[in-house]
Amino acid sequence: MKKHHAEKLAQTLIVIFRCLLPVLPALAALLFLKKQYLLDYRQTLNKMKIHLNAISSGPVQHYFQDILRFNTDVCEPVQGHCSQCGNCCLNRQCVFLEQSGADTYICGIYSSPLRRFSNCGSFPINGHDIERYQCPTYQVISSYPVVQLQQI
């Protein structure tokens, strides 16, 4: 039943965002104090369309299921570090992702207090996250000790 609720919440949120699409660049400029989103309205709008398509393929449902604890057995022990590859940012389709080097990216809203309410701050919580975005530096830690056998 909880999975059904997560799916319906995700679908509803996507529909709301699609209806608000023409005003989303202005809203983002106000919320994140970045006038560039409004100054480059067409570019931001195009990026938002790409972003909405990317989040429609599962991340919003993942947010409701896993992050809001509709699904309680998702956490796995994970280790690693961020390599700033941008993969976890909707495979580099996040509207807020900014290129910082040849192959490195940064979050344009990282310092915003609103970011902590997003899916981003929790990445990765399990192997599915790592696999979905082909993260090169995080891995799931085996919960069972690995014992090396020696030949006699």
N, C-alpha and C. Protein backbone atom coordinates (compact mmCIF):
# COMPACT_ATOMS: atom_id res chain seq x y z
N MET A 1 0.82 -1.19 0.00
CA MET A 1 0.00 0.00 0.00
C MET A 1 0.86 1.26 0.00
N LYS A 2 1.96 1.23 0.78
CA LYS A 2 2.83 2.40 0.85
C LYS A 2 3.47 2.70 -0.51
N LYS A 3 3.82 1.63 -1.24
CA LYS A 3 4.40 1.82 -2.57
C LYS A 3 3.40 2.52 -3.48
N HIS A 4 2.14 2.14 -3.38
CA HIS A 4 1.08 2.78 -4.16
C HIS A 4 0.98 4.27 -3.82
N HIS A 5 1.07 4.60 -2.53
CA HIS A 5 1.02 6.00 -2.11
C HIS A 5 2.20 6.78 -2.69
N ALA A 6 3.37 6.17 -2.66
CA ALA A 6 4.57 6.83 -3.20
C ALA A 6 4.41 7.10 -4.68
N GLU A 7 3.86 6.13 -5.42
CA GLU A 7 3.65 6.31 -6.85
C GLU A 7 2.67 7.44 -7.13
N LYS A 8 1.58 7.48 -6.39
CA LYS A 8 0.57 8.53 -6.59
C LYS A 8 1.11 9.90 -6.22
N LEU A 9 1.85 9.99 -5.12
CA LEU A 9 2.46 11.27 -4.74
C LEU A 9 3.44 11.74 -5.81
N ALA A 10 4.24 10.82 -6.32
CA ALA A 10 5.22 11.16 -7.36
C ALA A 10 4.52 11.67 -8.62
N GLN A 11 3.50 10.96 -9.06
CA GLN A 11 2.76 11.37 -10.26
C GLN A 11 2.11 12.74 -10.07
N THR A 12 1.55 12.97 -8.90
CA THR A 12 0.90 14.25 -8.61
C THR A 12 1.91 15.39 -8.64
N LEU A 13 3.05 15.17 -8.02
CA LEU A 13 4.09 16.20 -8.00
C LEU A 13 4.59 16.53 -9.40
N ILE A 14 4.78 15.53 -10.24
CA ILE A 14 5.23 15.75 -11.61
C ILE A 14 4.19 16.56 -12.38
N VAL A 15 2.92 16.24 -12.23
CA VAL A 15 1.85 16.98 -12.91
C VAL A 15 1.86 18.44 -12.46
N ILE A 16 2.02 18.67 -11.16
CA ILE A 16 2.07 20.04 -10.63
C ILE A 16 3.25 20.80 -11.24
N PHE A 17 4.42 20.17 -11.26
CA PHE A 17 5.60 20.83 -11.83
C PHE A 17 5.42 21.12 -13.32
N ARG A 18 4.81 20.20 -14.05
CA ARG A 18 4.59 20.43 -15.48
C ARG A 18 3.63 21.61 -15.70
N CYS A 19 2.62 21.73 -14.85
CA CYS A 19 1.68 22.86 -14.96
C CYS A 19 2.37 24.19 -14.62
N LEU A 20 3.31 24.14 -13.71
CA LEU A 20 4.01 25.35 -13.27
C LEU A 20 5.26 25.65 -14.11
N LEU A 21 5.55 24.83 -15.09
CA LEU A 21 6.79 24.94 -15.86
C LEU A 21 7.13 26.36 -16.32
N PRO A 22 6.20 27.12 -16.87
CA PRO A 22 6.56 28.47 -17.34
C PRO A 22 7.05 29.41 -16.23
N VAL A 23 6.63 29.18 -14.99
CA VAL A 23 7.06 30.06 -13.90
C VAL A 23 8.18 29.47 -13.05
N LEU A 24 8.58 28.23 -13.32
CA LEU A 24 9.62 27.60 -12.52
C LEU A 24 10.97 28.32 -12.55
N PRO A 25 11.42 28.87 -13.69
CA PRO A 25 12.68 29.62 -13.65
C PRO A 25 12.62 30.82 -12.70
N ALA A 26 11.50 31.53 -12.69
CA ALA A 26 11.36 32.68 -11.77
C ALA A 26 11.30 32.20 -10.33
N LEU A 27 10.59 31.12 -10.10
CA LEU A 27 10.48 30.57 -8.75
C LEU A 27 11.85 30.11 -8.24
N ALA A 28 12.60 29.44 -9.10
CA ALA A 28 13.95 28.99 -8.73
C ALA A 28 14.86 30.18 -8.45
N ALA A 29 14.75 31.23 -9.26
CA ALA A 29 15.56 32.43 -9.04
C ALA A 29 15.27 33.03 -7.66
N LEU A 30 14.00 33.06 -7.28
CA LEU A 30 13.62 33.60 -5.97
C LEU A 30 14.04 32.68 -4.82
N LEU A 31 13.75 31.40 -4.94
CA LEU A 31 14.04 30.46 -3.87
C LEU A 31 15.53 30.29 -3.60
N PHE A 32 16.32 30.27 -4.66
CA PHE A 32 17.74 30.00 -4.52
C PHE A 32 18.62 31.24 -4.67
N LEU A 33 17.97 32.39 -4.78
CA LEU A 33 18.67 33.68 -4.90
C LEU A 33 19.71 33.67 -6.01
N LYS A 34 19.28 33.19 -7.17
CA LYS A 34 20.16 33.14 -8.35
C LYS A 34 19.42 33.79 -9.51
N LYS A 35 19.69 35.05 -9.73
CA LYS A 35 18.99 35.78 -10.79
C LYS A 35 19.31 35.23 -12.18
N GLN A 36 20.40 34.49 -12.29
CA GLN A 36 20.80 33.93 -13.59
C GLN A 36 19.72 33.01 -14.16
N TYR A 37 18.97 32.31 -13.28
CA TYR A 37 17.90 31.44 -13.75
C TYR A 37 16.84 32.24 -14.50
N LEU A 38 16.62 33.47 -14.06
CA LEU A 38 15.63 34.32 -14.71
C LEU A 38 16.22 35.06 -15.91
N LEU A 39 17.47 35.50 -15.77
CA LEU A 39 18.13 36.20 -16.87
C LEU A 39 18.29 35.30 -18.10
N ASP A 40 18.58 34.03 -17.85
CA ASP A 40 18.70 33.05 -18.93
C ASP A 40 17.43 32.19 -18.97
N TYR A 41 16.29 32.85 -19.03
CA TYR A 41 14.99 32.19 -18.90
C TYR A 41 14.82 31.00 -19.85
N ARG A 42 15.08 31.20 -21.12
CA ARG A 42 14.88 30.11 -22.11
C ARG A 42 15.78 28.91 -21.82
N GLN A 43 17.04 29.19 -21.53
CA GLN A 43 17.97 28.11 -21.23
C GLN A 43 17.54 27.37 -19.95
N THR A 44 17.15 28.12 -18.93
CA THR A 44 16.69 27.50 -17.68
C THR A 44 15.42 26.70 -17.92
N LEU A 45 14.51 27.22 -18.71
CA LEU A 45 13.27 26.51 -19.01
C LEU A 45 13.56 25.20 -19.74
N ASN A 46 14.47 25.23 -20.70
CA ASN A 46 14.84 24.00 -21.42
C ASN A 46 15.49 22.99 -20.48
N LYS A 47 16.36 23.47 -19.58
CA LYS A 47 16.98 22.58 -18.61
C LYS A 47 15.94 21.99 -17.66
N MET A 48 14.94 22.80 -17.31
CA MET A 48 13.89 22.31 -16.42
C MET A 48 13.03 21.24 -17.09
N LYS A 49 12.81 21.36 -18.38
CA LYS A 49 12.07 20.33 -19.11
C LYS A 49 12.85 19.01 -19.07
N ILE A 50 14.15 19.10 -19.31
CA ILE A 50 15.02 17.91 -19.25
C ILE A 50 15.01 17.33 -17.84
N HIS A 51 15.10 18.20 -16.84
CA HIS A 51 15.10 17.80 -15.44
C HIS A 51 13.80 17.07 -15.09
N LEU A 52 12.67 17.63 -15.51
CA LEU A 52 11.38 17.00 -15.22
C LEU A 52 11.26 15.63 -15.87
N ASN A 53 11.74 15.50 -17.09
CA ASN A 53 11.73 14.19 -17.74
C ASN A 53 12.59 13.19 -16.98
N ALA A 54 13.75 13.66 -16.50
CA ALA A 54 14.65 12.78 -15.76
C ALA A 54 14.05 12.35 -14.42
N ILE A 55 13.42 13.26 -13.69
CA ILE A 55 12.86 12.87 -12.39
C ILE A 55 11.58 12.05 -12.55
N SER A 56 10.97 12.13 -13.71
CA SER A 56 9.76 11.33 -13.97
C SER A 56 10.07 9.85 -14.11
N SER A 57 11.32 9.52 -14.38
CA SER A 57 11.69 8.12 -14.62
C SER A 57 11.99 7.34 -13.34
N GLY A 58 11.70 7.92 -12.17
CA GLY A 58 11.88 7.15 -10.95
C GLY A 58 12.38 7.90 -9.73
N PRO A 59 13.21 8.93 -9.86
CA PRO A 59 13.75 9.57 -8.68
C PRO A 59 12.71 10.17 -7.72
N VAL A 60 11.61 10.70 -8.22
CA VAL A 60 10.61 11.27 -7.31
C VAL A 60 9.94 10.15 -6.53
N GLN A 61 9.64 9.06 -7.21
CA GLN A 61 9.05 7.91 -6.51
C GLN A 61 10.05 7.37 -5.48
N HIS A 62 11.32 7.30 -5.86
CA HIS A 62 12.38 6.87 -4.94
C HIS A 62 12.40 7.77 -3.70
N TYR A 63 12.25 9.06 -3.91
CA TYR A 63 12.25 10.01 -2.80
C TYR A 63 11.13 9.68 -1.81
N PHE A 64 9.93 9.49 -2.32
CA PHE A 64 8.81 9.20 -1.42
C PHE A 64 8.93 7.82 -0.78
N GLN A 65 9.42 6.85 -1.53
CA GLN A 65 9.53 5.49 -0.98
C GLN A 65 10.65 5.38 0.05
N ASP A 66 11.82 5.86 -0.30
CA ASP A 66 13.00 5.62 0.53
C ASP A 66 13.32 6.75 1.49
N ILE A 67 13.35 7.95 1.00
CA ILE A 67 13.77 9.07 1.83
C ILE A 67 12.72 9.42 2.88
N LEU A 68 11.46 9.40 2.50
CA LEU A 68 10.40 9.69 3.46
C LEU A 68 9.96 8.45 4.22
N ARG A 69 10.72 7.37 4.06
CA ARG A 69 10.54 6.14 4.82
C ARG A 69 9.23 5.39 4.56
N PHE A 70 8.70 5.53 3.34
CA PHE A 70 7.56 4.68 2.99
C PHE A 70 8.05 3.24 2.87
N ASN A 71 9.30 3.08 2.50
CA ASN A 71 9.93 1.77 2.42
C ASN A 71 11.02 1.78 3.49
N THR A 72 10.91 0.93 4.47
CA THR A 72 11.81 1.02 5.62
C THR A 72 13.05 0.12 5.53
N ASP A 73 13.12 -0.83 4.61
CA ASP A 73 14.32 -1.67 4.56
C ASP A 73 15.22 -1.34 3.38
N VAL A 74 15.54 -0.08 3.20
CA VAL A 74 16.34 0.30 2.05
C VAL A 74 17.80 0.57 2.37
N CYS A 75 18.08 0.97 3.56
CA CYS A 75 19.45 1.39 3.89
C CYS A 75 20.40 0.20 3.90
N GLU A 76 21.51 0.39 3.25
CA GLU A 76 22.59 -0.60 3.25
C GLU A 76 23.85 0.18 3.63
N PRO A 77 24.80 -0.49 4.27
CA PRO A 77 26.04 0.22 4.58
C PRO A 77 26.79 0.57 3.29
N VAL A 78 27.10 1.83 3.13
CA VAL A 78 27.74 2.33 1.92
C VAL A 78 29.00 3.09 2.31
N GLN A 79 30.03 2.97 1.51
CA GLN A 79 31.25 3.74 1.74
C GLN A 79 31.72 4.34 0.42
N GLY A 80 32.50 5.39 0.52
CA GLY A 80 33.04 6.03 -0.66
C GLY A 80 33.09 7.53 -0.49
N HIS A 81 33.32 8.21 -1.57
CA HIS A 81 33.40 9.67 -1.56
C HIS A 81 32.88 10.20 -2.90
N CYS A 82 32.54 11.46 -2.91
CA CYS A 82 32.04 12.08 -4.12
C CYS A 82 33.21 12.46 -5.04
N SER A 83 33.14 12.03 -6.27
CA SER A 83 34.18 12.37 -7.24
C SER A 83 33.75 13.53 -8.14
N GLN A 84 32.59 14.10 -7.87
CA GLN A 84 32.03 15.21 -8.63
C GLN A 84 31.86 14.87 -10.11
N CYS A 85 31.47 13.62 -10.38
CA CYS A 85 31.27 13.19 -11.77
C CYS A 85 29.92 13.65 -12.33
N GLY A 86 28.97 13.96 -11.43
CA GLY A 86 27.66 14.42 -11.87
C GLY A 86 26.68 13.32 -12.20
N ASN A 87 27.10 12.06 -12.13
CA ASN A 87 26.20 10.96 -12.47
C ASN A 87 24.97 10.93 -11.58
N CYS A 88 25.17 11.14 -10.28
CA CYS A 88 24.04 11.05 -9.35
C CYS A 88 23.09 12.23 -9.49
N CYS A 89 23.46 13.22 -10.23
CA CYS A 89 22.61 14.39 -10.48
C CYS A 89 21.77 14.13 -11.73
N LEU A 90 20.97 13.08 -11.61
CA LEU A 90 20.08 12.67 -12.72
C LEU A 90 20.87 12.42 -14.00
N ASN A 91 22.01 11.78 -13.85
CA ASN A 91 22.91 11.51 -14.98
C ASN A 91 23.24 12.80 -15.72
N ARG A 92 23.60 13.79 -14.95
CA ARG A 92 23.99 15.13 -15.42
C ARG A 92 22.84 15.90 -16.08
N GLN A 93 21.61 15.57 -15.74
CA GLN A 93 20.45 16.25 -16.30
C GLN A 93 19.78 17.18 -15.29
N CYS A 94 20.37 17.33 -14.11
CA CYS A 94 19.78 18.20 -13.09
C CYS A 94 19.93 19.66 -13.52
N VAL A 95 18.86 20.40 -13.40
CA VAL A 95 18.85 21.81 -13.80
C VAL A 95 19.84 22.64 -12.99
N PHE A 96 20.14 22.19 -11.77
CA PHE A 96 21.02 22.97 -10.89
C PHE A 96 22.49 22.58 -11.01
N LEU A 97 22.81 21.57 -11.78
CA LEU A 97 24.19 21.10 -11.93
C LEU A 97 24.99 22.07 -12.79
N GLU A 98 26.17 22.41 -12.32
CA GLU A 98 27.06 23.34 -13.05
C GLU A 98 28.40 22.67 -13.28
N GLN A 99 28.92 22.80 -14.47
CA GLN A 99 30.23 22.23 -14.79
C GLN A 99 31.31 23.10 -14.15
N SER A 100 32.24 22.43 -13.45
CA SER A 100 33.31 23.17 -12.78
C SER A 100 34.68 22.88 -13.34
N GLY A 101 34.79 21.86 -14.17
CA GLY A 101 36.06 21.49 -14.78
C GLY A 101 35.77 20.62 -15.99
N ALA A 102 36.82 20.04 -16.55
CA ALA A 102 36.65 19.21 -17.75
C ALA A 102 35.66 18.07 -17.51
N ASP A 103 35.83 17.35 -16.43
CA ASP A 103 34.95 16.22 -16.11
C ASP A 103 34.38 16.31 -14.70
N THR A 104 34.29 17.51 -14.16
CA THR A 104 33.77 17.67 -12.80
C THR A 104 32.61 18.65 -12.78
N TYR A 105 31.71 18.42 -11.83
CA TYR A 105 30.50 19.21 -11.71
C TYR A 105 30.25 19.56 -10.25
N ILE A 106 29.52 20.64 -10.04
CA ILE A 106 29.13 21.03 -8.69
C ILE A 106 27.64 21.35 -8.68
N CYS A 107 27.06 21.27 -7.51
CA CYS A 107 25.65 21.60 -7.35
C CYS A 107 25.52 23.11 -7.21
N GLY A 108 24.71 23.71 -8.05
CA GLY A 108 24.52 25.15 -8.01
C GLY A 108 23.71 25.63 -6.82
N ILE A 109 23.03 24.71 -6.14
CA ILE A 109 22.24 25.10 -4.97
C ILE A 109 22.72 24.38 -3.71
N TYR A 110 23.96 23.92 -3.73
CA TYR A 110 24.51 23.13 -2.62
C TYR A 110 24.39 23.85 -1.28
N SER A 111 24.62 25.14 -1.26
CA SER A 111 24.61 25.88 0.00
C SER A 111 23.21 26.34 0.43
N SER A 112 22.21 26.06 -0.38
CA SER A 112 20.85 26.46 -0.03
C SER A 112 20.28 25.57 1.08
N PRO A 113 19.63 26.17 2.07
CA PRO A 113 19.00 25.34 3.11
C PRO A 113 17.87 24.47 2.55
N LEU A 114 17.31 24.83 1.41
CA LEU A 114 16.23 24.05 0.80
C LEU A 114 16.74 22.74 0.21
N ARG A 115 18.03 22.68 -0.11
CA ARG A 115 18.59 21.48 -0.73
C ARG A 115 18.46 20.26 0.17
N ARG A 116 18.51 20.48 1.47
CA ARG A 116 18.46 19.34 2.39
C ARG A 116 17.12 18.62 2.36
N PHE A 117 16.10 19.25 1.78
CA PHE A 117 14.80 18.59 1.65
C PHE A 117 14.70 17.80 0.35
N SER A 118 15.77 17.79 -0.40
CA SER A 118 15.76 17.08 -1.69
C SER A 118 16.33 15.68 -1.53
N ASN A 119 16.25 14.95 -2.59
CA ASN A 119 16.79 13.61 -2.68
C ASN A 119 18.33 13.63 -2.65
N CYS A 120 18.90 14.73 -3.05
CA CYS A 120 20.34 14.84 -3.27
C CYS A 120 21.19 14.58 -2.03
N GLY A 121 20.79 15.17 -0.93
CA GLY A 121 21.60 15.07 0.28
C GLY A 121 21.71 13.67 0.85
N SER A 122 20.88 12.75 0.39
CA SER A 122 20.90 11.40 0.94
C SER A 122 21.63 10.40 0.05
N PHE A 123 22.13 10.82 -1.08
CA PHE A 123 22.76 9.89 -2.02
C PHE A 123 24.10 9.43 -1.48
N PRO A 124 24.43 8.17 -1.62
CA PRO A 124 23.58 7.02 -1.92
C PRO A 124 23.15 6.34 -0.62
N ILE A 125 21.93 5.82 -0.60
CA ILE A 125 21.50 5.11 0.60
C ILE A 125 21.52 3.59 0.42
N ASN A 126 21.72 3.16 -0.82
CA ASN A 126 21.77 1.71 -1.05
C ASN A 126 22.43 1.40 -2.39
N GLY A 127 22.57 0.11 -2.65
CA GLY A 127 23.20 -0.33 -3.89
C GLY A 127 22.42 0.06 -5.13
N HIS A 128 21.10 0.16 -5.00
CA HIS A 128 20.28 0.57 -6.15
C HIS A 128 20.66 1.96 -6.61
N ASP A 129 20.88 2.87 -5.65
CA ASP A 129 21.31 4.24 -6.00
C ASP A 129 22.63 4.20 -6.76
N ILE A 130 23.58 3.45 -6.24
CA ILE A 130 24.92 3.38 -6.84
C ILE A 130 24.84 2.80 -8.25
N GLU A 131 24.06 1.75 -8.39
CA GLU A 131 23.92 1.10 -9.69
C GLU A 131 23.17 1.98 -10.69
N ARG A 132 22.08 2.60 -10.24
CA ARG A 132 21.25 3.43 -11.13
C ARG A 132 22.07 4.52 -11.80
N TYR A 133 22.93 5.17 -11.02
CA TYR A 133 23.71 6.29 -11.56
C TYR A 133 25.15 5.92 -11.88
N GLN A 134 25.48 4.65 -11.82
CA GLN A 134 26.81 4.16 -12.15
C GLN A 134 27.89 4.99 -11.46
N CYS A 135 27.71 5.12 -10.16
CA CYS A 135 28.66 5.91 -9.36
C CYS A 135 30.01 5.20 -9.32
N PRO A 136 31.08 5.91 -9.70
CA PRO A 136 32.39 5.26 -9.77
C PRO A 136 33.11 5.14 -8.43
N THR A 137 32.66 5.83 -7.39
CA THR A 137 33.45 5.85 -6.15
C THR A 137 32.73 5.35 -4.90
N TYR A 138 31.44 5.12 -4.96
CA TYR A 138 30.73 4.56 -3.81
C TYR A 138 30.51 3.08 -4.02
N GLN A 139 30.44 2.34 -2.92
CA GLN A 139 30.16 0.91 -3.00
C GLN A 139 29.44 0.47 -1.74
N VAL A 140 28.67 -0.61 -1.87
CA VAL A 140 27.99 -1.19 -0.72
C VAL A 140 29.00 -2.04 0.03
N ILE A 141 28.99 -1.90 1.35
CA ILE A 141 29.89 -2.68 2.20
C ILE A 141 29.19 -3.99 2.53
N SER A 142 29.88 -5.06 2.32
CA SER A 142 29.32 -6.37 2.65
C SER A 142 29.10 -6.44 4.15
N SER A 143 27.92 -6.88 4.55
CA SER A 143 27.62 -6.97 5.97
C SER A 143 28.17 -8.25 6.59
N TYR A 144 28.73 -9.10 5.75
CA TYR A 144 29.34 -10.32 6.24
C TYR A 144 30.84 -10.22 6.05
N PRO A 145 31.62 -10.61 7.04
CA PRO A 145 33.08 -10.53 6.86
C PRO A 145 33.56 -11.50 5.79
N VAL A 146 34.48 -11.03 5.00
CA VAL A 146 35.06 -11.87 3.95
C VAL A 146 36.31 -12.52 4.53
N VAL A 147 36.35 -13.82 4.46
CA VAL A 147 37.48 -14.57 5.00
C VAL A 147 38.24 -15.19 3.84
N GLN A 148 39.52 -14.92 3.77
CA GLN A 148 40.35 -15.48 2.72
C GLN A 148 40.80 -16.88 3.16
N LEU A 149 40.60 -17.86 2.32
CA LEU A 149 41.03 -19.23 2.63
C LEU A 149 42.41 -19.47 2.05
N GLN A 150 43.22 -20.15 2.81
CA GLN A 150 44.56 -20.46 2.34
C GLN A 150 44.62 -21.94 1.94
N GLN A 151 45.33 -22.20 0.88
CA GLN A 151 45.50 -23.60 0.47
C GLN A 151 46.63 -24.23 1.29
N ILE A 152 46.42 -25.45 1.67
CA ILE A 152 47.44 -26.15 2.45
C ILE A 152 48.16 -27.13 1.57
